[in-house]
Amino acid sequence: MSQKTCLITGATSGIGRAAALALARQGFRVIIVARNGDKAERVCRHIRPHSPQSEVSYYLCDLSLLEHVRRLVSQARADLDRIDVLVNNAGARFLRHQVTAEGIEITLATNHLSHFLLTLSLLELLGKSPEARIINVASGAHYGADGVIENILQADKYDGKKQYALSKLANVLFTYALSEKLRESSITVNAVDPGGVATNFARNNGLIPWLKHRLYYLGKGELLSPGKGAETVVYLASAPEVRGITGKYFFNKQEKKSSSASYDKDLQKRLWEMSLALIKNRDTLKNRDTLKNRDTLDFSEFSRA
């Protein structure tokens, strides 16, 4: 078979960059997804000498905008015959309330909804791989959430830390719901907690919140390098030991019990239906209303993003 292909979001720095490098070294064709072309090109130039046999390229996409996600999907469908690994890694914490040009609160849009749309829209390409793997990068912050993330449009109702925790719970809820719907396929879906990693995460909120984030993990003795934080992502993407394992939550290369809320079938269903409702007016999915109570997915239903 030809070289395996991995598409990874949020790969211009931190965990995503380290994972992209590690997978390229293993021989994967790596395609990173980034907002900034200059940063993406620098990362590709950094990776190529370490793995001259691997093709490394990028797509430009602002994951906070669904229209950009659709363009990315169109490019991938035109360029690729299959995808073997999809790593949904991009994420951010926004302490200040923001709404995208499409009318969606930016934490919800960036951390969950974009990956929901991207993943479902790429199922056909993933289904062409003999053993495709989807890895959703979550966080231990999800233990602090117990409900479905909402599209908060009023600034006075917004709590950035709570919304971030809810978005990370959404990553796990989505993982479990999708794994059930794909149980008749060859595609596996797992979530990962990379731990506290020394990256630029939370830097968008200013220096003090970023330092507090780092000091929290330093105080626990758990601040990891990006390479160390990426190890479980790379493990789930490539290790033969996890072949066929799906619908699990991993930490430090081991299965771990996620929060009790994450196993709530009602929450999983509510998140799925809310996510479809937020994108349905964009005509993103075919036959979307019939999907709400379906047990399995037909890839052809997502043939148009």
C-alpha atoms as a PDB file:
ATOM      1  CA  MET A   1       0.000   0.000   0.000  1.00  0.00           C
ATOM      2  CA  SER A   2       1.049   3.605  -0.504  1.00  0.00           C
ATOM      3  CA  GLN A   3       2.306   5.826   2.286  1.00  0.00           C
ATOM      4  CA  LYS A   4      -0.207   6.394   5.082  1.00  0.00           C
ATOM      5  CA  THR A   5      -1.680   9.874   5.284  1.00  0.00           C
ATOM      6  CA  CYS A   6      -2.280  11.833   8.486  1.00  0.00           C
ATOM      7  CA  LEU A   7      -4.218  15.099   8.599  1.00  0.00           C
ATOM      8  CA  ILE A   8      -3.595  17.029  11.814  1.00  0.00           C
ATOM      9  CA  THR A   9      -5.110  20.327  12.945  1.00  0.00           C
ATOM     10  CA  GLY A  10      -3.343  22.880  15.099  1.00  0.00           C
ATOM     11  CA  ALA A  11       0.126  21.706  14.102  1.00  0.00           C
ATOM     12  CA  THR A  12       2.149  24.899  13.835  1.00  0.00           C
ATOM     13  CA  SER A  13       3.246  24.716  17.474  1.00  0.00           C
ATOM     14  CA  GLY A  14       3.104  22.683  20.656  1.00  0.00           C
ATOM     15  CA  ILE A  15       1.629  19.198  20.722  1.00  0.00           C
ATOM     16  CA  GLY A  16       0.456  19.272  17.119  1.00  0.00           C
ATOM     17  CA  ARG A  17       3.869  20.269  15.772  1.00  0.00           C
ATOM     18  CA  ALA A  18       5.606  17.589  17.841  1.00  0.00           C
ATOM     19  CA  ALA A  19       3.109  14.936  16.735  1.00  0.00           C
ATOM     20  CA  ALA A  20       3.494  15.922  13.082  1.00  0.00           C
ATOM     21  CA  LEU A  21       7.265  15.571  13.338  1.00  0.00           C
ATOM     22  CA  ALA A  22       7.061  12.193  15.089  1.00  0.00           C
ATOM     23  CA  LEU A  23       4.593  10.776  12.567  1.00  0.00           C
ATOM     24  CA  ALA A  24       6.659  12.028   9.613  1.00  0.00           C
ATOM     25  CA  ARG A  25       9.662  10.269  11.119  1.00  0.00           C
ATOM     26  CA  GLN A  26       7.592   7.094  11.151  1.00  0.00           C
ATOM     27  CA  GLY A  27       6.994   7.466   7.425  1.00  0.00           C
ATOM     28  CA  PHE A  28       3.553   9.069   7.386  1.00  0.00           C
ATOM     29  CA  ARG A  29       2.574  11.560   4.759  1.00  0.00           C
ATOM     30  CA  VAL A  30       1.697  14.492   7.018  1.00  0.00           C
ATOM     31  CA  ILE A  31      -0.685  17.303   6.149  1.00  0.00           C
ATOM     32  CA  ILE A  32      -0.975  20.018   8.764  1.00  0.00           C
ATOM     33  CA  VAL A  33      -3.898  22.408   9.047  1.00  0.00           C
ATOM     34  CA  ALA A  34      -3.054  25.975  10.024  1.00  0.00           C
ATOM     35  CA  ARG A  35      -4.427  29.509   9.915  1.00  0.00           C
ATOM     36  CA  ASN A  36      -1.098  31.167   9.113  1.00  0.00           C
ATOM     37  CA  GLY A  37       0.700  30.243   5.904  1.00  0.00           C
ATOM     38  CA  ASP A  38       4.109  31.526   7.023  1.00  0.00           C
ATOM     39  CA  LYS A  39       3.998  29.475  10.219  1.00  0.00           C
ATOM     40  CA  ALA A  40       2.800  26.413   8.331  1.00  0.00           C
ATOM     41  CA  GLU A  41       5.620  26.691   5.814  1.00  0.00           C
ATOM     42  CA  ARG A  42       8.208  27.064   8.606  1.00  0.00           C
ATOM     43  CA  VAL A  43       6.932  23.906  10.305  1.00  0.00           C
ATOM     44  CA  CYS A  44       7.056  21.973   7.038  1.00  0.00           C
ATOM     45  CA  ARG A  45      10.622  23.172   6.404  1.00  0.00           C
ATOM     46  CA  HIS A  46      11.549  22.077   9.932  1.00  0.00           C
ATOM     47  CA  ILE A  47      10.066  18.591   9.542  1.00  0.00           C
ATOM     48  CA  ARG A  48      11.285  17.716   6.028  1.00  0.00           C
ATOM     49  CA  PRO A  49      15.012  17.296   6.820  1.00  0.00           C
ATOM     50  CA  HIS A  50      14.138  14.909   9.680  1.00  0.00           C
ATOM     51  CA  SER A  51      12.120  12.692   7.353  1.00  0.00           C
ATOM     52  CA  PRO A  52      13.191  13.189   3.731  1.00  0.00           C
ATOM     53  CA  GLN A  53      11.148  10.176   2.584  1.00  0.00           C
ATOM     54  CA  SER A  54       7.880  11.612   3.927  1.00  0.00           C
ATOM     55  CA  GLU A  55       5.758  14.162   2.144  1.00  0.00           C
ATOM     56  CA  VAL A  56       4.913  17.117   4.383  1.00  0.00           C
ATOM     57  CA  SER A  57       2.441  19.792   3.307  1.00  0.00           C
ATOM     58  CA  TYR A  58      -0.306  22.015   4.663  1.00  0.00           C
ATOM     59  CA  TYR A  59      -3.816  23.347   4.163  1.00  0.00           C
ATOM     60  CA  LEU A  60      -4.833  26.810   5.297  1.00  0.00           C
ATOM     61  CA  CYS A  61      -7.984  26.942   7.406  1.00  0.00           C
ATOM     62  CA  ASP A  62      -9.357  29.096  10.199  1.00  0.00           C
ATOM     63  CA  LEU A  63     -11.117  26.419  12.232  1.00  0.00           C
ATOM     64  CA  SER A  64     -13.345  28.952  13.952  1.00  0.00           C
ATOM     65  CA  LEU A  65     -15.226  29.380  10.660  1.00  0.00           C
ATOM     66  CA  LEU A  66     -17.334  26.582   9.212  1.00  0.00           C
ATOM     67  CA  GLU A  67     -17.002  27.992   5.707  1.00  0.00           C
ATOM     68  CA  HIS A  68     -13.224  27.560   5.990  1.00  0.00           C
ATOM     69  CA  VAL A  69     -13.735  23.978   7.144  1.00  0.00           C
ATOM     70  CA  ARG A  70     -15.837  23.303   4.056  1.00  0.00           C
ATOM     71  CA  ARG A  71     -13.081  24.647   1.816  1.00  0.00           C
ATOM     72  CA  LEU A  72     -10.577  22.429   3.575  1.00  0.00           C
ATOM     73  CA  VAL A  73     -12.806  19.403   3.023  1.00  0.00           C
ATOM     74  CA  SER A  74     -13.157  20.249  -0.666  1.00  0.00           C
ATOM     75  CA  GLN A  75      -9.374  20.497  -1.017  1.00  0.00           C
ATOM     76  CA  ALA A  76      -8.831  17.199   0.766  1.00  0.00           C
ATOM     77  CA  ARG A  77     -11.372  15.418  -1.414  1.00  0.00           C
ATOM     78  CA  ALA A  78      -9.727  16.767  -4.551  1.00  0.00           C
ATOM     79  CA  ASP A  79      -6.183  15.891  -3.449  1.00  0.00           C
ATOM     80  CA  LEU A  80      -6.429  12.649  -1.487  1.00  0.00           C
ATOM     81  CA  ASP A  81      -7.556   9.135  -2.236  1.00  0.00           C
ATOM     82  CA  ARG A  82      -7.869   8.318   1.454  1.00  0.00           C
ATOM     83  CA  ILE A  83      -7.000   9.496   4.977  1.00  0.00           C
ATOM     84  CA  ASP A  84      -5.565   6.983   7.439  1.00  0.00           C
ATOM     85  CA  VAL A  85      -5.320   9.176  10.532  1.00  0.00           C
ATOM     86  CA  LEU A  86      -7.203  12.331  11.498  1.00  0.00           C
ATOM     87  CA  VAL A  87      -5.891  14.164  14.559  1.00  0.00           C
ATOM     88  CA  ASN A  88      -8.300  16.833  15.829  1.00  0.00           C
ATOM     89  CA  ASN A  89      -5.785  18.731  17.925  1.00  0.00           C
ATOM     90  CA  ALA A  90      -6.503  22.452  17.463  1.00  0.00           C
ATOM     91  CA  GLY A  91      -7.990  24.164  20.477  1.00  0.00           C
ATOM     92  CA  ALA A  92      -7.872  27.343  22.518  1.00  0.00           C
ATOM     93  CA  ARG A  93      -9.199  28.918  25.673  1.00  0.00           C
ATOM     94  CA  PHE A  94     -10.819  32.333  25.330  1.00  0.00           C
ATOM     95  CA  LEU A  95     -11.323  34.193  28.586  1.00  0.00           C
ATOM     96  CA  ARG A  96     -13.074  37.076  26.814  1.00  0.00           C
ATOM     97  CA  HIS A  97     -16.360  36.545  25.018  1.00  0.00           C
ATOM     98  CA  GLN A  98     -16.203  36.516  21.219  1.00  0.00           C
ATOM     99  CA  VAL A  99     -18.663  35.554  18.500  1.00  0.00           C
ATOM    100  CA  THR A 100     -17.512  34.551  15.022  1.00  0.00           C
ATOM    101  CA  ALA A 101     -18.771  36.157  11.821  1.00  0.00           C
ATOM    102  CA  GLU A 102     -21.039  33.108  11.479  1.00  0.00           C
ATOM    103  CA  GLY A 103     -22.749  33.827  14.807  1.00  0.00           C
ATOM    104  CA  ILE A 104     -21.099  31.098  16.880  1.00  0.00           C
ATOM    105  CA  GLU A 105     -19.276  31.597  20.187  1.00  0.00           C
ATOM    106  CA  ILE A 106     -15.605  31.129  19.372  1.00  0.00           C
ATOM    107  CA  THR A 107     -14.736  28.434  21.951  1.00  0.00           C
ATOM    108  CA  LEU A 108     -17.585  26.266  20.725  1.00  0.00           C
ATOM    109  CA  ALA A 109     -16.687  26.956  17.096  1.00  0.00           C
ATOM    110  CA  THR A 110     -12.962  26.285  17.431  1.00  0.00           C
ATOM    111  CA  ASN A 111     -12.765  23.479  19.980  1.00  0.00           C
ATOM    112  CA  HIS A 112     -15.765  21.380  18.988  1.00  0.00           C
ATOM    113  CA  LEU A 113     -17.982  22.385  16.090  1.00  0.00           C
ATOM    114  CA  SER A 114     -15.226  22.713  13.488  1.00  0.00           C
ATOM    115  CA  HIS A 115     -13.902  19.249  14.304  1.00  0.00           C
ATOM    116  CA  PHE A 116     -17.418  17.818  14.359  1.00  0.00           C
ATOM    117  CA  LEU A 117     -18.007  19.095  10.819  1.00  0.00           C
ATOM    118  CA  LEU A 118     -14.497  18.231   9.606  1.00  0.00           C
ATOM    119  CA  THR A 119     -14.635  14.681  10.916  1.00  0.00           C
ATOM    120  CA  LEU A 120     -18.078  13.833   9.583  1.00  0.00           C
ATOM    121  CA  SER A 121     -17.278  15.407   6.232  1.00  0.00           C
ATOM    122  CA  LEU A 122     -14.086  13.333   5.894  1.00  0.00           C
ATOM    123  CA  LEU A 123     -15.655   9.988   6.824  1.00  0.00           C
ATOM    124  CA  GLU A 124     -15.754   8.889   3.203  1.00  0.00           C
ATOM    125  CA  LEU A 125     -11.992   9.398   2.824  1.00  0.00           C
ATOM    126  CA  LEU A 126     -11.362   7.755   6.198  1.00  0.00           C
ATOM    127  CA  GLY A 127     -13.553   4.843   5.176  1.00  0.00           C
ATOM    128  CA  LYS A 128     -11.214   4.122   2.265  1.00  0.00           C
ATOM    129  CA  SER A 129      -8.408   3.261   4.681  1.00  0.00           C
ATOM    130  CA  PRO A 130      -8.286  -0.351   5.900  1.00  0.00           C
ATOM    131  CA  GLU A 131      -7.934   0.832   9.506  1.00  0.00           C
ATOM    132  CA  ALA A 132      -8.468   4.547   9.840  1.00  0.00           C
ATOM    133  CA  ARG A 133      -7.973   6.213  13.205  1.00  0.00           C
ATOM    134  CA  ILE A 134      -9.510   9.412  14.555  1.00  0.00           C
ATOM    135  CA  ILE A 135      -7.848  10.985  17.599  1.00  0.00           C
ATOM    136  CA  ASN A 136      -9.622  13.813  19.429  1.00  0.00           C
ATOM    137  CA  VAL A 137      -7.315  15.786  21.710  1.00  0.00           C
ATOM    138  CA  ALA A 138      -9.319  16.556  24.850  1.00  0.00           C
ATOM    139  CA  SER A 139      -8.103  17.647  28.289  1.00  0.00           C
ATOM    140  CA  GLY A 140      -8.373  16.797  31.956  1.00  0.00           C
ATOM    141  CA  ALA A 141     -10.355  20.041  32.174  1.00  0.00           C
ATOM    142  CA  HIS A 142     -13.377  18.049  30.995  1.00  0.00           C
ATOM    143  CA  TYR A 143     -13.695  16.554  34.506  1.00  0.00           C
ATOM    144  CA  GLY A 144     -14.902  19.969  35.663  1.00  0.00           C
ATOM    145  CA  ALA A 145     -17.857  20.082  33.255  1.00  0.00           C
ATOM    146  CA  ASP A 146     -21.193  18.300  33.461  1.00  0.00           C
ATOM    147  CA  GLY A 147     -23.368  19.520  30.603  1.00  0.00           C
ATOM    148  CA  VAL A 148     -23.603  20.302  26.902  1.00  0.00           C
ATOM    149  CA  ILE A 149     -21.718  23.346  25.676  1.00  0.00           C
ATOM    150  CA  GLU A 150     -24.022  26.149  24.545  1.00  0.00           C
ATOM    151  CA  ASN A 151     -23.727  28.830  21.903  1.00  0.00           C
ATOM    152  CA  ILE A 152     -23.460  31.785  24.282  1.00  0.00           C
ATOM    153  CA  LEU A 153     -24.184  35.008  22.433  1.00  0.00           C
ATOM    154  CA  GLN A 154     -24.347  37.395  25.404  1.00  0.00           C
ATOM    155  CA  ALA A 155     -21.090  38.483  27.023  1.00  0.00           C
ATOM    156  CA  ASP A 156     -22.585  38.769  30.523  1.00  0.00           C
ATOM    157  CA  LYS A 157     -23.451  35.040  30.474  1.00  0.00           C
ATOM    158  CA  TYR A 158     -19.976  33.918  29.448  1.00  0.00           C
ATOM    159  CA  ASP A 159     -17.418  32.231  31.698  1.00  0.00           C
ATOM    160  CA  GLY A 160     -14.293  31.439  29.687  1.00  0.00           C
ATOM    161  CA  LYS A 161     -12.947  28.730  31.985  1.00  0.00           C
ATOM    162  CA  LYS A 162     -16.309  26.985  32.201  1.00  0.00           C
ATOM    163  CA  GLN A 163     -16.854  27.201  28.435  1.00  0.00           C
ATOM    164  CA  TYR A 164     -13.412  25.708  27.834  1.00  0.00           C
ATOM    165  CA  ALA A 165     -14.150  22.810  30.193  1.00  0.00           C
ATOM    166  CA  LEU A 166     -17.475  22.212  28.436  1.00  0.00           C
ATOM    167  CA  SER A 167     -15.712  22.219  25.060  1.00  0.00           C
ATOM    168  CA  LYS A 168     -13.291  19.558  26.269  1.00  0.00           C
ATOM    169  CA  LEU A 169     -16.190  17.478  27.592  1.00  0.00           C
ATOM    170  CA  ALA A 170     -17.723  17.903  24.138  1.00  0.00           C
ATOM    171  CA  ASN A 171     -14.582  16.341  22.640  1.00  0.00           C
ATOM    172  CA  VAL A 172     -15.080  13.237  24.772  1.00  0.00           C
ATOM    173  CA  LEU A 173     -18.858  13.072  24.293  1.00  0.00           C
ATOM    174  CA  PHE A 174     -18.344  13.333  20.530  1.00  0.00           C
ATOM    175  CA  THR A 175     -15.701  10.589  20.641  1.00  0.00           C
ATOM    176  CA  TYR A 176     -18.019   8.146  22.378  1.00  0.00           C
ATOM    177  CA  ALA A 177     -21.069   8.981  20.249  1.00  0.00           C
ATOM    178  CA  LEU A 178     -19.154   8.715  16.984  1.00  0.00           C
ATOM    179  CA  SER A 179     -17.455   5.452  17.961  1.00  0.00           C
ATOM    180  CA  GLU A 180     -20.890   3.920  18.471  1.00  0.00           C
ATOM    181  CA  LYS A 181     -22.139   5.140  15.114  1.00  0.00           C
ATOM    182  CA  LEU A 182     -19.021   3.770  13.395  1.00  0.00           C
ATOM    183  CA  ARG A 183     -18.972   0.414  15.159  1.00  0.00           C
ATOM    184  CA  GLU A 184     -19.716  -1.460  11.919  1.00  0.00           C
ATOM    185  CA  SER A 185     -16.831   0.256  10.116  1.00  0.00           C
ATOM    186  CA  SER A 186     -13.049  -0.068  10.195  1.00  0.00           C
ATOM    187  CA  ILE A 187     -12.662   3.419  11.676  1.00  0.00           C
ATOM    188  CA  THR A 188     -11.676   3.794  15.326  1.00  0.00           C
ATOM    189  CA  VAL A 189     -12.230   6.935  17.404  1.00  0.00           C
ATOM    190  CA  ASN A 190     -10.451   7.712  20.661  1.00  0.00           C
ATOM    191  CA  ALA A 191      -9.865  10.728  22.874  1.00  0.00           C
ATOM    192  CA  VAL A 192      -6.618  11.699  24.557  1.00  0.00           C
ATOM    193  CA  ASP A 193      -5.581  13.874  27.484  1.00  0.00           C
ATOM    194  CA  PRO A 194      -2.010  15.026  26.708  1.00  0.00           C
ATOM    195  CA  GLY A 195      -1.504  16.402  30.210  1.00  0.00           C
ATOM    196  CA  GLY A 196      -0.083  19.820  31.094  1.00  0.00           C
ATOM    197  CA  VAL A 197       2.292  20.790  28.300  1.00  0.00           C
ATOM    198  CA  ALA A 198       4.698  23.744  28.017  1.00  0.00           C
ATOM    199  CA  THR A 199       3.228  25.420  24.934  1.00  0.00           C
ATOM    200  CA  ASN A 200       1.739  28.782  23.971  1.00  0.00           C
ATOM    201  CA  PHE A 201      -1.695  27.552  25.025  1.00  0.00           C
ATOM    202  CA  ALA A 202      -3.690  30.393  26.677  1.00  0.00           C
ATOM    203  CA  ARG A 203      -1.125  32.957  25.441  1.00  0.00           C
ATOM    204  CA  ASN A 204      -3.936  34.591  23.416  1.00  0.00           C
ATOM    205  CA  ASN A 205      -5.456  35.775  26.705  1.00  0.00           C
ATOM    206  CA  GLY A 206      -2.368  37.726  27.723  1.00  0.00           C
ATOM    207  CA  LEU A 207       0.817  37.080  29.662  1.00  0.00           C
ATOM    208  CA  ILE A 208      -0.670  36.646  33.145  1.00  0.00           C
ATOM    209  CA  PRO A 209      -3.259  33.931  32.281  1.00  0.00           C
ATOM    210  CA  TRP A 210      -0.574  32.102  30.290  1.00  0.00           C
ATOM    211  CA  LEU A 211       1.860  32.203  33.217  1.00  0.00           C
ATOM    212  CA  LYS A 212      -0.849  31.054  35.630  1.00  0.00           C
ATOM    213  CA  HIS A 213      -1.596  28.094  33.374  1.00  0.00           C
ATOM    214  CA  ARG A 214       2.078  27.094  33.346  1.00  0.00           C
ATOM    215  CA  LEU A 215       2.591  27.670  37.060  1.00  0.00           C
ATOM    216  CA  TYR A 216      -0.414  25.469  37.856  1.00  0.00           C
ATOM    217  CA  TYR A 217       1.174  22.466  36.165  1.00  0.00           C
ATOM    218  CA  LEU A 218       4.667  23.365  37.389  1.00  0.00           C
ATOM    219  CA  GLY A 219       3.318  23.349  40.929  1.00  0.00           C
ATOM    220  CA  LYS A 220       1.982  19.845  40.364  1.00  0.00           C
ATOM    221  CA  GLY A 221       5.261  18.766  38.783  1.00  0.00           C
ATOM    222  CA  GLU A 222       3.369  17.883  35.601  1.00  0.00           C
ATOM    223  CA  LEU A 223       4.538  20.411  33.001  1.00  0.00           C
ATOM    224  CA  LEU A 224       5.621  18.346  30.008  1.00  0.00           C
ATOM    225  CA  SER A 225       7.585  19.165  26.895  1.00  0.00           C
ATOM    226  CA  PRO A 226       5.555  19.253  23.652  1.00  0.00           C
ATOM    227  CA  GLY A 227       7.286  16.077  22.512  1.00  0.00           C
ATOM    228  CA  LYS A 228       6.313  14.271  25.696  1.00  0.00           C
ATOM    229  CA  GLY A 229       2.767  15.613  25.521  1.00  0.00           C
ATOM    230  CA  ALA A 230       2.436  14.354  21.944  1.00  0.00           C
ATOM    231  CA  GLU A 231       3.512  10.791  22.750  1.00  0.00           C
ATOM    232  CA  THR A 232       0.017   9.451  23.421  1.00  0.00           C
ATOM    233  CA  VAL A 233      -1.331  11.128  20.284  1.00  0.00           C
ATOM    234  CA  VAL A 234       1.395   9.456  18.228  1.00  0.00           C
ATOM    235  CA  TYR A 235       0.775   6.157  20.017  1.00  0.00           C
ATOM    236  CA  LEU A 236      -2.925   6.208  19.160  1.00  0.00           C
ATOM    237  CA  ALA A 237      -2.155   7.199  15.576  1.00  0.00           C
ATOM    238  CA  SER A 238       0.394   4.494  14.875  1.00  0.00           C
ATOM    239  CA  ALA A 239       0.827   1.763  17.499  1.00  0.00           C
ATOM    240  CA  PRO A 240      -0.273  -1.748  16.504  1.00  0.00           C
ATOM    241  CA  GLU A 241      -1.275  -2.384  20.127  1.00  0.00           C
ATOM    242  CA  VAL A 242      -4.313  -0.117  19.792  1.00  0.00           C
ATOM    243  CA  ARG A 243      -5.494  -1.472  16.447  1.00  0.00           C
ATOM    244  CA  GLY A 244      -9.267  -1.944  16.636  1.00  0.00           C
ATOM    245  CA  ILE A 245      -9.630  -0.204  20.009  1.00  0.00           C
ATOM    246  CA  THR A 246     -12.313   2.457  19.865  1.00  0.00           C
ATOM    247  CA  GLY A 247     -14.438   4.678  22.085  1.00  0.00           C
ATOM    248  CA  LYS A 248     -11.787   5.045  24.797  1.00  0.00           C
ATOM    249  CA  TYR A 249     -10.093   7.863  26.690  1.00  0.00           C
ATOM    250  CA  PHE A 250      -6.289   7.709  26.958  1.00  0.00           C
ATOM    251  CA  PHE A 251      -3.708   9.333  29.212  1.00  0.00           C
ATOM    252  CA  ASN A 252      -0.005   8.518  29.202  1.00  0.00           C
ATOM    253  CA  LYS A 253      -0.565   5.708  26.647  1.00  0.00           C
ATOM    254  CA  GLN A 254      -3.048   3.976  28.937  1.00  0.00           C
ATOM    255  CA  GLU A 255      -6.818   3.750  28.899  1.00  0.00           C
ATOM    256  CA  LYS A 256      -8.315   5.901  31.634  1.00  0.00           C
ATOM    257  CA  LYS A 257     -11.829   6.457  32.924  1.00  0.00           C
ATOM    258  CA  SER A 258     -13.146   9.797  31.783  1.00  0.00           C
ATOM    259  CA  SER A 259     -15.700  11.826  33.722  1.00  0.00           C
ATOM    260  CA  SER A 260     -19.036  10.276  34.629  1.00  0.00           C
ATOM    261  CA  ALA A 261     -20.774  12.960  32.549  1.00  0.00           C
ATOM    262  CA  SER A 262     -18.895  11.865  29.425  1.00  0.00           C
ATOM    263  CA  TYR A 263     -20.630   8.459  29.472  1.00  0.00           C
ATOM    264  CA  ASP A 264     -24.103  10.004  29.682  1.00  0.00           C
ATOM    265  CA  LYS A 265     -25.945   8.864  26.536  1.00  0.00           C
ATOM    266  CA  ASP A 266     -28.444  11.696  26.849  1.00  0.00           C
ATOM    267  CA  LEU A 267     -25.652  14.283  26.875  1.00  0.00           C
ATOM    268  CA  GLN A 268     -24.032  12.594  23.886  1.00  0.00           C
ATOM    269  CA  LYS A 269     -27.300  12.710  21.964  1.00  0.00           C
ATOM    270  CA  ARG A 270     -28.014  16.319  22.942  1.00  0.00           C
ATOM    271  CA  LEU A 271     -24.541  17.428  21.839  1.00  0.00           C
ATOM    272  CA  TRP A 272     -24.895  15.595  18.529  1.00  0.00           C
ATOM    273  CA  GLU A 273     -28.293  17.124  17.795  1.00  0.00           C
ATOM    274  CA  MET A 274     -27.179  20.615  18.851  1.00  0.00           C
ATOM    275  CA  SER A 275     -24.111  20.358  16.618  1.00  0.00           C
ATOM    276  CA  LEU A 276     -26.200  19.318  13.636  1.00  0.00           C
ATOM    277  CA  ALA A 277     -28.647  22.131  14.335  1.00  0.00           C
ATOM    278  CA  LEU A 278     -25.867  24.738  14.350  1.00  0.00           C
ATOM    279  CA  ILE A 279     -24.583  23.692  10.939  1.00  0.00           C
ATOM    280  CA  LYS A 280     -27.775  22.564   9.213  1.00  0.00           C
ATOM    281  CA  ASN A 281     -28.684  26.010   7.873  1.00  0.00           C
ATOM    282  CA  ARG A 282     -25.419  25.963   5.931  1.00  0.00           C
ATOM    283  CA  ASP A 283     -26.573  22.885   4.000  1.00  0.00           C
ATOM    284  CA  THR A 284     -23.520  21.007   5.202  1.00  0.00           C
ATOM    285  CA  LEU A 285     -24.929  17.504   5.551  1.00  0.00           C
ATOM    286  CA  LYS A 286     -27.329  15.486   3.442  1.00  0.00           C
ATOM    287  CA  ASN A 287     -30.259  13.762   5.105  1.00  0.00           C
ATOM    288  CA  ARG A 288     -29.183  15.241   8.407  1.00  0.00           C
ATOM    289  CA  ASP A 289     -32.581  14.929  10.104  1.00  0.00           C
ATOM    290  CA  THR A 290     -32.524  11.153   9.692  1.00  0.00           C
ATOM    291  CA  LEU A 291     -29.188  10.901  11.488  1.00  0.00           C
ATOM    292  CA  LYS A 292     -30.383  11.880  14.936  1.00  0.00           C
ATOM    293  CA  ASN A 293     -31.456   8.410  15.980  1.00  0.00           C
ATOM    294  CA  ARG A 294     -29.370   6.326  13.602  1.00  0.00           C
ATOM    295  CA  ASP A 295     -27.116   3.637  15.075  1.00  0.00           C
ATOM    296  CA  THR A 296     -24.569   3.615  12.251  1.00  0.00           C
ATOM    297  CA  LEU A 297     -23.428   6.068   9.621  1.00  0.00           C
ATOM    298  CA  ASP A 298     -23.412   5.737   5.848  1.00  0.00           C
ATOM    299  CA  PHE A 299     -20.348   7.573   4.524  1.00  0.00           C
ATOM    300  CA  SER A 300     -22.231   8.700   1.421  1.00  0.00           C
ATOM    301  CA  GLU A 301     -24.498  10.852   3.582  1.00  0.00           C
ATOM    302  CA  PHE A 302     -21.538  13.138   4.242  1.00  0.00           C
ATOM    303  CA  SER A 303     -20.411  13.349   0.636  1.00  0.00           C
ATOM    304  CA  ARG A 304     -21.109  17.062   0.452  1.00  0.00           C
ATOM    305  CA  ALA A 305     -19.766  19.514   2.996  1.00  0.00           C
END
